Amino acid sequence: MQKAMKKYFPIFVLPTLIAFVIGFLAPFVMGIYLSFCKFTTVTDAKFIGFSNYQKSFDPIFIHALWYTAAFTIVSVLFINVLAFTVAMLLTKKIKGTNIFRTVFFMPNLIGGIILGYIWQLLLNGVLQNVGRTLTYSSTFGFWGLVILMCWQQIGYMMIIYIAGIQNIPGDLIEAAKIDGATPRQILKNVTIPMVMPSITICTFLTLTNSFKLFDQNLALTNGDPSNMSEMLALNIFNTFYSRPGYEGVGQAKAVIFFILVAVIAIVQNYLTRRKEVQQ
């Protein structure tokens, strides 16, 4: 069987490899090249060096960068803390656990654009009672995005945390109780260290999802007022499609965006994996 697998491995891998090269690798390399060009289509690209990168760091892009960073920090903390808390509650022996898990997970099945418009109606309906809307200031848009992101992502992260909690050997918990550990000590010294693989995964997912947020931002505020609630992905989109002659600048921003998210994700993954406990 192993000899047969080694013999026919290239045949089975080839279709997937071709699709990967055509669908991801080739556009990625071309995108990096186009970030150094002035173009309207890929056929009229003219190499201009680092000019696009010099134009990338305009005030709106810098604001979008800090706005996205602040949003990411807040949403990652809220989503993971709340998801872990819900997971702890739903691993207790209470009635209707499966129903609660399903209900919490369901928002993750709804598309981002639809969620954005739904929450725009809901939040604007509440804020209109005080004479405000989500586009009144970037602060209103910021917390609207946080609420939307938490509502959508908590259920998904909850499932991952539940799997991690249920994977903790019961002997460890029993031994800690016999030794006189309090529930808080068990949580701190047993549960959290043993759930670190789940924490690594959930932190990675929430971190990258928050940085890459686009459709919810587009539907909820569309960057208003005056691009003050515009996040990085939406800023790149608007630069590329809304400013004629700035396609190369938009592509340069996309490359910067990719490098930024990749570096942050790698560092986060490295730091959290170091704290994982081998069972």
C-alpha atoms as a PDB file:
ATOM      1  CA  MET A   1       0.000   0.000   0.000  1.00  0.00           C
ATOM      2  CA  GLN A   2       2.815   2.429   0.903  1.00  0.00           C
ATOM      3  CA  LYS A   3       4.662   1.680  -2.346  1.00  0.00           C
ATOM      4  CA  ALA A   4       1.470   2.265  -4.318  1.00  0.00           C
ATOM      5  CA  MET A   5       0.848   5.563  -2.492  1.00  0.00           C
ATOM      6  CA  LYS A   6       4.390   6.771  -3.223  1.00  0.00           C
ATOM      7  CA  LYS A   7       4.039   5.739  -6.862  1.00  0.00           C
ATOM      8  CA  TYR A   8       0.707   7.441  -7.509  1.00  0.00           C
ATOM      9  CA  PHE A   9       1.123  10.353  -5.081  1.00  0.00           C
ATOM     10  CA  PRO A  10       2.147  12.875  -7.814  1.00  0.00           C
ATOM     11  CA  ILE A  11      -0.906  11.932  -9.889  1.00  0.00           C
ATOM     12  CA  PHE A  12      -3.328  12.661  -7.048  1.00  0.00           C
ATOM     13  CA  VAL A  13      -1.494  15.784  -5.887  1.00  0.00           C
ATOM     14  CA  LEU A  14      -1.150  17.332  -9.342  1.00  0.00           C
ATOM     15  CA  PRO A  15      -4.764  18.627  -9.763  1.00  0.00           C
ATOM     16  CA  THR A  16      -4.712  20.295  -6.355  1.00  0.00           C
ATOM     17  CA  LEU A  17      -1.233  21.699  -6.968  1.00  0.00           C
ATOM     18  CA  ILE A  18      -2.293  23.135 -10.338  1.00  0.00           C
ATOM     19  CA  ALA A  19      -5.391  24.731  -8.770  1.00  0.00           C
ATOM     20  CA  PHE A  20      -3.235  26.194  -5.964  1.00  0.00           C
ATOM     21  CA  VAL A  21      -0.734  27.678  -8.428  1.00  0.00           C
ATOM     22  CA  ILE A  22      -3.436  29.135 -10.714  1.00  0.00           C
ATOM     23  CA  GLY A  23      -5.805  30.305  -7.984  1.00  0.00           C
ATOM     24  CA  PHE A  24      -3.364  31.561  -5.354  1.00  0.00           C
ATOM     25  CA  LEU A  25       0.361  31.486  -6.065  1.00  0.00           C
ATOM     26  CA  ALA A  26       0.333  33.097  -9.535  1.00  0.00           C
ATOM     27  CA  PRO A  27      -2.068  35.958  -8.541  1.00  0.00           C
ATOM     28  CA  PHE A  28      -0.062  36.508  -5.352  1.00  0.00           C
ATOM     29  CA  VAL A  29       3.240  36.876  -7.219  1.00  0.00           C
ATOM     30  CA  MET A  30       1.589  39.037  -9.885  1.00  0.00           C
ATOM     31  CA  GLY A  31       0.067  41.198  -7.160  1.00  0.00           C
ATOM     32  CA  ILE A  32       3.489  41.850  -5.644  1.00  0.00           C
ATOM     33  CA  TYR A  33       4.837  42.814  -9.074  1.00  0.00           C
ATOM     34  CA  LEU A  34       1.873  45.109  -9.784  1.00  0.00           C
ATOM     35  CA  SER A  35       2.470  46.925  -6.503  1.00  0.00           C
ATOM     36  CA  PHE A  36       5.608  48.342  -8.165  1.00  0.00           C
ATOM     37  CA  CYS A  37       3.713  49.378 -11.311  1.00  0.00           C
ATOM     38  CA  LYS A  38       1.303  51.998 -12.561  1.00  0.00           C
ATOM     39  CA  PHE A  39      -1.586  50.228 -14.276  1.00  0.00           C
ATOM     40  CA  THR A  40      -5.268  50.096 -15.009  1.00  0.00           C
ATOM     41  CA  THR A  41      -5.218  46.468 -16.198  1.00  0.00           C
ATOM     42  CA  VAL A  42      -2.538  43.792 -15.961  1.00  0.00           C
ATOM     43  CA  THR A  43      -1.717  44.240 -19.654  1.00  0.00           C
ATOM     44  CA  ASP A  44      -0.661  47.910 -19.438  1.00  0.00           C
ATOM     45  CA  ALA A  45       1.437  47.722 -16.247  1.00  0.00           C
ATOM     46  CA  LYS A  46       4.450  50.051 -16.227  1.00  0.00           C
ATOM     47  CA  PHE A  47       7.180  49.553 -13.628  1.00  0.00           C
ATOM     48  CA  ILE A  48       7.683  52.693 -11.486  1.00  0.00           C
ATOM     49  CA  GLY A  49       9.615  51.348  -8.482  1.00  0.00           C
ATOM     50  CA  PHE A  50       8.671  52.223  -4.895  1.00  0.00           C
ATOM     51  CA  SER A  51       6.488  55.201  -5.805  1.00  0.00           C
ATOM     52  CA  ASN A  52       3.268  53.370  -4.921  1.00  0.00           C
ATOM     53  CA  TYR A  53       4.614  52.447  -1.489  1.00  0.00           C
ATOM     54  CA  GLN A  54       5.586  56.058  -0.828  1.00  0.00           C
ATOM     55  CA  LYS A  55       2.021  57.158  -1.622  1.00  0.00           C
ATOM     56  CA  SER A  56       0.496  54.372   0.465  1.00  0.00           C
ATOM     57  CA  PHE A  57       1.052  55.953   3.857  1.00  0.00           C
ATOM     58  CA  ASP A  58      -1.462  58.762   3.478  1.00  0.00           C
ATOM     59  CA  PRO A  59      -3.302  60.101   6.565  1.00  0.00           C
ATOM     60  CA  ILE A  60      -6.432  58.047   5.859  1.00  0.00           C
ATOM     61  CA  PHE A  61      -4.420  54.817   5.624  1.00  0.00           C
ATOM     62  CA  ILE A  62      -2.562  55.603   8.857  1.00  0.00           C
ATOM     63  CA  HIS A  63      -5.867  56.297  10.617  1.00  0.00           C
ATOM     64  CA  ALA A  64      -7.342  53.061   9.227  1.00  0.00           C
ATOM     65  CA  LEU A  65      -4.285  51.175  10.518  1.00  0.00           C
ATOM     66  CA  TRP A  66      -4.648  52.434  14.096  1.00  0.00           C
ATOM     67  CA  TYR A  67      -8.434  52.105  13.965  1.00  0.00           C
ATOM     68  CA  THR A  68      -8.086  48.472  12.844  1.00  0.00           C
ATOM     69  CA  ALA A  69      -5.436  47.744  15.484  1.00  0.00           C
ATOM     70  CA  ALA A  70      -7.649  49.131  18.261  1.00  0.00           C
ATOM     71  CA  PHE A  71     -10.658  47.212  16.951  1.00  0.00           C
ATOM     72  CA  THR A  72      -8.610  43.999  16.774  1.00  0.00           C
ATOM     73  CA  ILE A  73      -7.369  44.280  20.362  1.00  0.00           C
ATOM     74  CA  VAL A  74     -10.848  44.924  21.754  1.00  0.00           C
ATOM     75  CA  SER A  75     -12.619  42.275  19.669  1.00  0.00           C
ATOM     76  CA  VAL A  76      -9.998  39.578  20.331  1.00  0.00           C
ATOM     77  CA  LEU A  77     -10.263  40.126  24.095  1.00  0.00           C
ATOM     78  CA  PHE A  78     -14.062  40.277  24.156  1.00  0.00           C
ATOM     79  CA  ILE A  79     -14.660  37.342  21.829  1.00  0.00           C
ATOM     80  CA  ASN A  80     -12.225  34.970  23.505  1.00  0.00           C
ATOM     81  CA  VAL A  81     -13.188  35.829  27.088  1.00  0.00           C
ATOM     82  CA  LEU A  82     -16.909  35.567  26.372  1.00  0.00           C
ATOM     83  CA  ALA A  83     -16.541  32.437  24.222  1.00  0.00           C
ATOM     84  CA  PHE A  84     -14.471  30.718  26.913  1.00  0.00           C
ATOM     85  CA  THR A  85     -16.997  31.719  29.594  1.00  0.00           C
ATOM     86  CA  VAL A  86     -19.920  30.383  27.561  1.00  0.00           C
ATOM     87  CA  ALA A  87     -17.976  27.186  26.827  1.00  0.00           C
ATOM     88  CA  MET A  88     -17.335  26.657  30.546  1.00  0.00           C
ATOM     89  CA  LEU A  89     -21.040  27.093  31.293  1.00  0.00           C
ATOM     90  CA  LEU A  90     -22.150  24.777  28.491  1.00  0.00           C
ATOM     91  CA  THR A  91     -19.813  21.969  29.589  1.00  0.00           C
ATOM     92  CA  LYS A  92     -21.687  21.764  32.880  1.00  0.00           C
ATOM     93  CA  LYS A  93     -24.423  19.175  33.221  1.00  0.00           C
ATOM     94  CA  ILE A  94     -27.406  21.417  32.537  1.00  0.00           C
ATOM     95  CA  LYS A  95     -30.533  20.778  30.507  1.00  0.00           C
ATOM     96  CA  GLY A  96     -30.713  22.061  26.953  1.00  0.00           C
ATOM     97  CA  THR A  97     -26.950  22.274  26.440  1.00  0.00           C
ATOM     98  CA  ASN A  98     -27.105  21.162  22.807  1.00  0.00           C
ATOM     99  CA  ILE A  99     -29.851  23.670  22.042  1.00  0.00           C
ATOM    100  CA  PHE A 100     -27.826  26.509  23.561  1.00  0.00           C
ATOM    101  CA  ARG A 101     -24.728  25.478  21.591  1.00  0.00           C
ATOM    102  CA  THR A 102     -26.722  25.482  18.352  1.00  0.00           C
ATOM    103  CA  VAL A 103     -28.270  28.881  19.064  1.00  0.00           C
ATOM    104  CA  PHE A 104     -24.891  30.451  19.901  1.00  0.00           C
ATOM    105  CA  PHE A 105     -23.284  28.974  16.767  1.00  0.00           C
ATOM    106  CA  MET A 106     -26.027  30.013  14.310  1.00  0.00           C
ATOM    107  CA  PRO A 107     -24.899  33.677  13.788  1.00  0.00           C
ATOM    108  CA  ASN A 108     -21.666  32.364  12.277  1.00  0.00           C
ATOM    109  CA  LEU A 109     -23.697  30.877   9.414  1.00  0.00           C
ATOM    110  CA  ILE A 110     -24.978  34.278   8.277  1.00  0.00           C
ATOM    111  CA  GLY A 111     -22.993  36.231   5.681  1.00  0.00           C
ATOM    112  CA  GLY A 112     -21.115  39.355   6.709  1.00  0.00           C
ATOM    113  CA  ILE A 113     -22.971  41.741   4.371  1.00  0.00           C
ATOM    114  CA  ILE A 114     -26.340  40.553   5.663  1.00  0.00           C
ATOM    115  CA  LEU A 115     -25.167  40.841   9.264  1.00  0.00           C
ATOM    116  CA  GLY A 116     -23.919  44.347   8.612  1.00  0.00           C
ATOM    117  CA  TYR A 117     -27.254  45.583   7.275  1.00  0.00           C
ATOM    118  CA  ILE A 118     -29.239  43.790  10.002  1.00  0.00           C
ATOM    119  CA  TRP A 119     -27.159  45.316  12.788  1.00  0.00           C
ATOM    120  CA  GLN A 120     -27.200  48.698  11.057  1.00  0.00           C
ATOM    121  CA  LEU A 121     -30.998  48.707  11.313  1.00  0.00           C
ATOM    122  CA  LEU A 122     -30.971  47.476  14.913  1.00  0.00           C
ATOM    123  CA  LEU A 123     -28.288  49.814  16.236  1.00  0.00           C
ATOM    124  CA  ASN A 124     -29.527  52.858  14.339  1.00  0.00           C
ATOM    125  CA  GLY A 125     -32.989  52.173  15.708  1.00  0.00           C
ATOM    126  CA  VAL A 126     -31.587  52.293  19.250  1.00  0.00           C
ATOM    127  CA  LEU A 127     -29.315  55.294  18.665  1.00  0.00           C
ATOM    128  CA  GLN A 128     -32.055  57.349  17.014  1.00  0.00           C
ATOM    129  CA  ASN A 129     -33.710  57.564  20.420  1.00  0.00           C
ATOM    130  CA  VAL A 130     -30.840  59.838  21.451  1.00  0.00           C
ATOM    131  CA  GLY A 131     -30.612  61.621  18.098  1.00  0.00           C
ATOM    132  CA  ARG A 132     -27.570  59.718  16.825  1.00  0.00           C
ATOM    133  CA  THR A 133     -26.666  57.079  14.212  1.00  0.00           C
ATOM    134  CA  LEU A 134     -23.689  54.783  13.684  1.00  0.00           C
ATOM    135  CA  THR A 135     -22.202  57.305  11.266  1.00  0.00           C
ATOM    136  CA  TYR A 136     -22.400  60.192  13.763  1.00  0.00           C
ATOM    137  CA  SER A 137     -18.783  59.544  14.831  1.00  0.00           C
ATOM    138  CA  SER A 138     -16.107  56.882  14.466  1.00  0.00           C
ATOM    139  CA  THR A 139     -16.697  55.861  18.094  1.00  0.00           C
ATOM    140  CA  PHE A 140     -20.277  54.774  17.379  1.00  0.00           C
ATOM    141  CA  GLY A 141     -19.100  52.841  14.321  1.00  0.00           C
ATOM    142  CA  PHE A 142     -16.270  51.277  16.306  1.00  0.00           C
ATOM    143  CA  TRP A 143     -18.496  49.833  19.018  1.00  0.00           C
ATOM    144  CA  GLY A 144     -21.103  48.832  16.461  1.00  0.00           C
ATOM    145  CA  LEU A 145     -18.450  46.750  14.685  1.00  0.00           C
ATOM    146  CA  VAL A 146     -17.312  45.250  17.997  1.00  0.00           C
ATOM    147  CA  ILE A 147     -20.871  44.215  18.886  1.00  0.00           C
ATOM    148  CA  LEU A 148     -21.430  42.737  15.425  1.00  0.00           C
ATOM    149  CA  MET A 149     -18.121  40.850  15.453  1.00  0.00           C
ATOM    150  CA  CYS A 150     -18.731  39.440  18.943  1.00  0.00           C
ATOM    151  CA  TRP A 151     -22.249  38.320  18.045  1.00  0.00           C
ATOM    152  CA  GLN A 152     -20.987  36.543  14.938  1.00  0.00           C
ATOM    153  CA  GLN A 153     -17.773  34.965  16.247  1.00  0.00           C
ATOM    154  CA  ILE A 154     -18.436  33.985  19.877  1.00  0.00           C
ATOM    155  CA  GLY A 155     -20.448  30.883  18.953  1.00  0.00           C
ATOM    156  CA  TYR A 156     -17.757  29.565  16.596  1.00  0.00           C
ATOM    157  CA  MET A 157     -14.963  30.065  19.133  1.00  0.00           C
ATOM    158  CA  MET A 158     -17.192  28.553  21.807  1.00  0.00           C
ATOM    159  CA  ILE A 159     -17.284  25.245  19.897  1.00  0.00           C
ATOM    160  CA  ILE A 160     -13.465  25.140  19.776  1.00  0.00           C
ATOM    161  CA  TYR A 161     -13.200  25.909  23.492  1.00  0.00           C
ATOM    162  CA  ILE A 162     -15.786  23.242  24.330  1.00  0.00           C
ATOM    163  CA  ALA A 163     -13.712  20.665  22.429  1.00  0.00           C
ATOM    164  CA  GLY A 164     -10.612  21.715  24.383  1.00  0.00           C
ATOM    165  CA  ILE A 165     -12.372  21.623  27.760  1.00  0.00           C
ATOM    166  CA  GLN A 166     -13.892  18.205  27.099  1.00  0.00           C
ATOM    167  CA  ASN A 167     -10.430  16.917  26.165  1.00  0.00           C
ATOM    168  CA  ILE A 168      -9.052  17.629  29.651  1.00  0.00           C
ATOM    169  CA  PRO A 169      -8.472  14.309  31.473  1.00  0.00           C
ATOM    170  CA  GLY A 170     -10.960  13.939  34.321  1.00  0.00           C
ATOM    171  CA  ASP A 171      -8.203  12.537  36.537  1.00  0.00           C
ATOM    172  CA  LEU A 172      -6.473  15.922  36.605  1.00  0.00           C
ATOM    173  CA  ILE A 173      -9.593  17.709  37.819  1.00  0.00           C
ATOM    174  CA  GLU A 174     -10.276  15.026  40.436  1.00  0.00           C
ATOM    175  CA  ALA A 175      -6.686  15.104  41.653  1.00  0.00           C
ATOM    176  CA  ALA A 176      -6.834  18.890  42.000  1.00  0.00           C
ATOM    177  CA  LYS A 177     -10.072  18.652  44.008  1.00  0.00           C
ATOM    178  CA  ILE A 178      -8.608  15.993  46.276  1.00  0.00           C
ATOM    179  CA  ASP A 179      -5.607  18.243  46.911  1.00  0.00           C
ATOM    180  CA  GLY A 180      -7.985  20.950  48.074  1.00  0.00           C
ATOM    181  CA  ALA A 181      -7.807  23.280  45.061  1.00  0.00           C
ATOM    182  CA  THR A 182     -10.561  25.876  44.805  1.00  0.00           C
ATOM    183  CA  PRO A 183     -12.567  26.316  41.583  1.00  0.00           C
ATOM    184  CA  ARG A 184     -10.515  29.438  40.807  1.00  0.00           C
ATOM    185  CA  GLN A 185      -7.243  27.557  41.314  1.00  0.00           C
ATOM    186  CA  ILE A 186      -8.468  24.688  39.120  1.00  0.00           C
ATOM    187  CA  LEU A 187      -9.384  27.175  36.399  1.00  0.00           C
ATOM    188  CA  LYS A 188      -6.038  28.975  36.587  1.00  0.00           C
ATOM    189  CA  ASN A 189      -3.671  26.027  37.068  1.00  0.00           C
ATOM    190  CA  VAL A 190      -5.443  23.158  35.301  1.00  0.00           C
ATOM    191  CA  THR A 191      -8.173  24.227  32.881  1.00  0.00           C
ATOM    192  CA  ILE A 192      -6.515  27.186  31.158  1.00  0.00           C
ATOM    193  CA  PRO A 193      -3.080  25.508  30.695  1.00  0.00           C
ATOM    194  CA  MET A 194      -4.735  22.386  29.287  1.00  0.00           C
ATOM    195  CA  VAL A 195      -6.924  24.445  26.928  1.00  0.00           C
ATOM    196  CA  MET A 196      -3.989  26.458  25.529  1.00  0.00           C
ATOM    197  CA  PRO A 197      -4.123  24.684  22.115  1.00  0.00           C
ATOM    198  CA  SER A 198      -7.716  25.901  21.760  1.00  0.00           C
ATOM    199  CA  ILE A 199      -6.686  29.368  22.938  1.00  0.00           C
ATOM    200  CA  THR A 200      -3.953  29.405  20.277  1.00  0.00           C
ATOM    201  CA  ILE A 201      -6.428  28.509  17.524  1.00  0.00           C
ATOM    202  CA  CYS A 202      -9.151  30.909  18.679  1.00  0.00           C
ATOM    203  CA  THR A 203      -6.729  33.800  19.164  1.00  0.00           C
ATOM    204  CA  PHE A 204      -5.294  33.218  15.704  1.00  0.00           C
ATOM    205  CA  LEU A 205      -8.728  33.105  14.087  1.00  0.00           C
ATOM    206  CA  THR A 206     -10.120  36.160  15.881  1.00  0.00           C
ATOM    207  CA  LEU A 207      -6.913  38.122  15.283  1.00  0.00           C
ATOM    208  CA  THR A 208      -6.804  37.478  11.544  1.00  0.00           C
ATOM    209  CA  ASN A 209     -10.586  37.814  11.099  1.00  0.00           C
ATOM    210  CA  SER A 210     -10.579  41.175  12.892  1.00  0.00           C
ATOM    211  CA  PHE A 211      -7.705  42.551  10.837  1.00  0.00           C
ATOM    212  CA  LYS A 212      -9.251  41.331   7.570  1.00  0.00           C
ATOM    213  CA  LEU A 213     -12.770  42.571   8.361  1.00  0.00           C
ATOM    214  CA  PHE A 214     -14.310  44.032   5.220  1.00  0.00           C
ATOM    215  CA  ASP A 215     -17.892  43.174   4.368  1.00  0.00           C
ATOM    216  CA  GLN A 216     -19.272  43.988   7.832  1.00  0.00           C
ATOM    217  CA  ASN A 217     -17.448  47.324   7.788  1.00  0.00           C
ATOM    218  CA  LEU A 218     -18.790  48.065   4.307  1.00  0.00           C
ATOM    219  CA  ALA A 219     -22.389  47.265   5.226  1.00  0.00           C
ATOM    220  CA  LEU A 220     -22.460  48.774   8.723  1.00  0.00           C
ATOM    221  CA  THR A 221     -20.816  52.189   8.213  1.00  0.00           C
ATOM    222  CA  ASN A 222     -19.042  52.192   4.810  1.00  0.00           C
ATOM    223  CA  GLY A 223     -16.285  54.165   6.521  1.00  0.00           C
ATOM    224  CA  ASP A 224     -18.515  57.121   7.456  1.00  0.00           C
ATOM    225  CA  PRO A 225     -18.220  59.757   8.708  1.00  0.00           C
ATOM    226  CA  SER A 226     -15.502  60.939   6.294  1.00  0.00           C
ATOM    227  CA  ASN A 227     -13.595  57.624   6.308  1.00  0.00           C
ATOM    228  CA  MET A 228     -13.139  57.843  10.092  1.00  0.00           C
ATOM    229  CA  SER A 229     -14.639  54.356  10.648  1.00  0.00           C
ATOM    230  CA  GLU A 230     -12.810  52.872   7.668  1.00  0.00           C
ATOM    231  CA  MET A 231     -10.729  49.784   8.401  1.00  0.00           C
ATOM    232  CA  LEU A 232      -7.695  48.608   6.434  1.00  0.00           C
ATOM    233  CA  ALA A 233      -9.448  46.215   4.051  1.00  0.00           C
ATOM    234  CA  LEU A 234     -12.090  48.809   3.158  1.00  0.00           C
ATOM    235  CA  ASN A 235      -9.400  51.476   2.741  1.00  0.00           C
ATOM    236  CA  ILE A 236      -7.543  49.247   0.265  1.00  0.00           C
ATOM    237  CA  PHE A 237     -10.769  48.567  -1.631  1.00  0.00           C
ATOM    238  CA  ASN A 238     -11.645  52.267  -1.853  1.00  0.00           C
ATOM    239  CA  THR A 239      -8.119  53.184  -2.911  1.00  0.00           C
ATOM    240  CA  PHE A 240      -8.138  50.604  -5.701  1.00  0.00           C
ATOM    241  CA  TYR A 241     -11.639  51.152  -7.064  1.00  0.00           C
ATOM    242  CA  SER A 242     -12.647  54.687  -6.070  1.00  0.00           C
ATOM    243  CA  ARG A 243      -9.515  56.677  -6.962  1.00  0.00           C
ATOM    244  CA  PRO A 244      -8.649  56.565 -10.698  1.00  0.00           C
ATOM    245  CA  GLY A 245      -4.938  56.089 -11.283  1.00  0.00           C
ATOM    246  CA  TYR A 246      -4.382  54.721  -7.787  1.00  0.00           C
ATOM    247  CA  GLU A 247      -4.696  51.022  -8.628  1.00  0.00           C
ATOM    248  CA  GLY A 248      -0.976  50.526  -8.010  1.00  0.00           C
ATOM    249  CA  VAL A 249      -1.212  52.332  -4.664  1.00  0.00           C
ATOM    250  CA  GLY A 250      -4.106  50.105  -3.658  1.00  0.00           C
ATOM    251  CA  GLN A 251      -2.062  47.040  -4.612  1.00  0.00           C
ATOM    252  CA  ALA A 252       0.901  48.326  -2.592  1.00  0.00           C
ATOM    253  CA  LYS A 253      -1.376  48.803   0.411  1.00  0.00           C
ATOM    254  CA  ALA A 254      -2.596  45.218  -0.040  1.00  0.00           C
ATOM    255  CA  VAL A 255       0.991  43.910   0.075  1.00  0.00           C
ATOM    256  CA  ILE A 256       1.708  45.964   3.209  1.00  0.00           C
ATOM    257  CA  PHE A 257      -1.522  44.640   4.700  1.00  0.00           C
ATOM    258  CA  PHE A 258      -0.537  41.032   3.961  1.00  0.00           C
ATOM    259  CA  ILE A 259       2.911  41.441   5.527  1.00  0.00           C
ATOM    260  CA  LEU A 260       1.445  43.121   8.613  1.00  0.00           C
ATOM    261  CA  VAL A 261      -1.187  40.437   9.237  1.00  0.00           C
ATOM    262  CA  ALA A 262       1.283  37.611   8.524  1.00  0.00           C
ATOM    263  CA  VAL A 263       3.892  38.961  10.962  1.00  0.00           C
ATOM    264  CA  ILE A 264       1.360  39.576  13.738  1.00  0.00           C
ATOM    265  CA  ALA A 265      -0.232  36.130  13.260  1.00  0.00           C
ATOM    266  CA  ILE A 266       3.154  34.358  13.306  1.00  0.00           C
ATOM    267  CA  VAL A 267       4.253  36.187  16.463  1.00  0.00           C
ATOM    268  CA  GLN A 268       0.935  35.452  18.192  1.00  0.00           C
ATOM    269  CA  ASN A 269       1.074  31.798  17.190  1.00  0.00           C
ATOM    270  CA  TYR A 270       4.651  31.490  18.474  1.00  0.00           C
ATOM    271  CA  LEU A 271       3.913  33.143  21.826  1.00  0.00           C
ATOM    272  CA  THR A 272       0.766  31.150  22.587  1.00  0.00           C
ATOM    273  CA  ARG A 273       2.181  27.802  21.447  1.00  0.00           C
ATOM    274  CA  ARG A 274       5.058  28.209  23.903  1.00  0.00           C
ATOM    275  CA  LYS A 275       2.536  28.068  26.739  1.00  0.00           C
ATOM    276  CA  GLU A 276       0.858  24.868  25.577  1.00  0.00           C
ATOM    277  CA  VAL A 277       1.088  21.883  27.899  1.00  0.00           C
ATOM    278  CA  GLN A 278       1.821  18.428  26.508  1.00  0.00           C
ATOM    279  CA  GLN A 279      -0.708  15.900  27.793  1.00  0.00           C
END
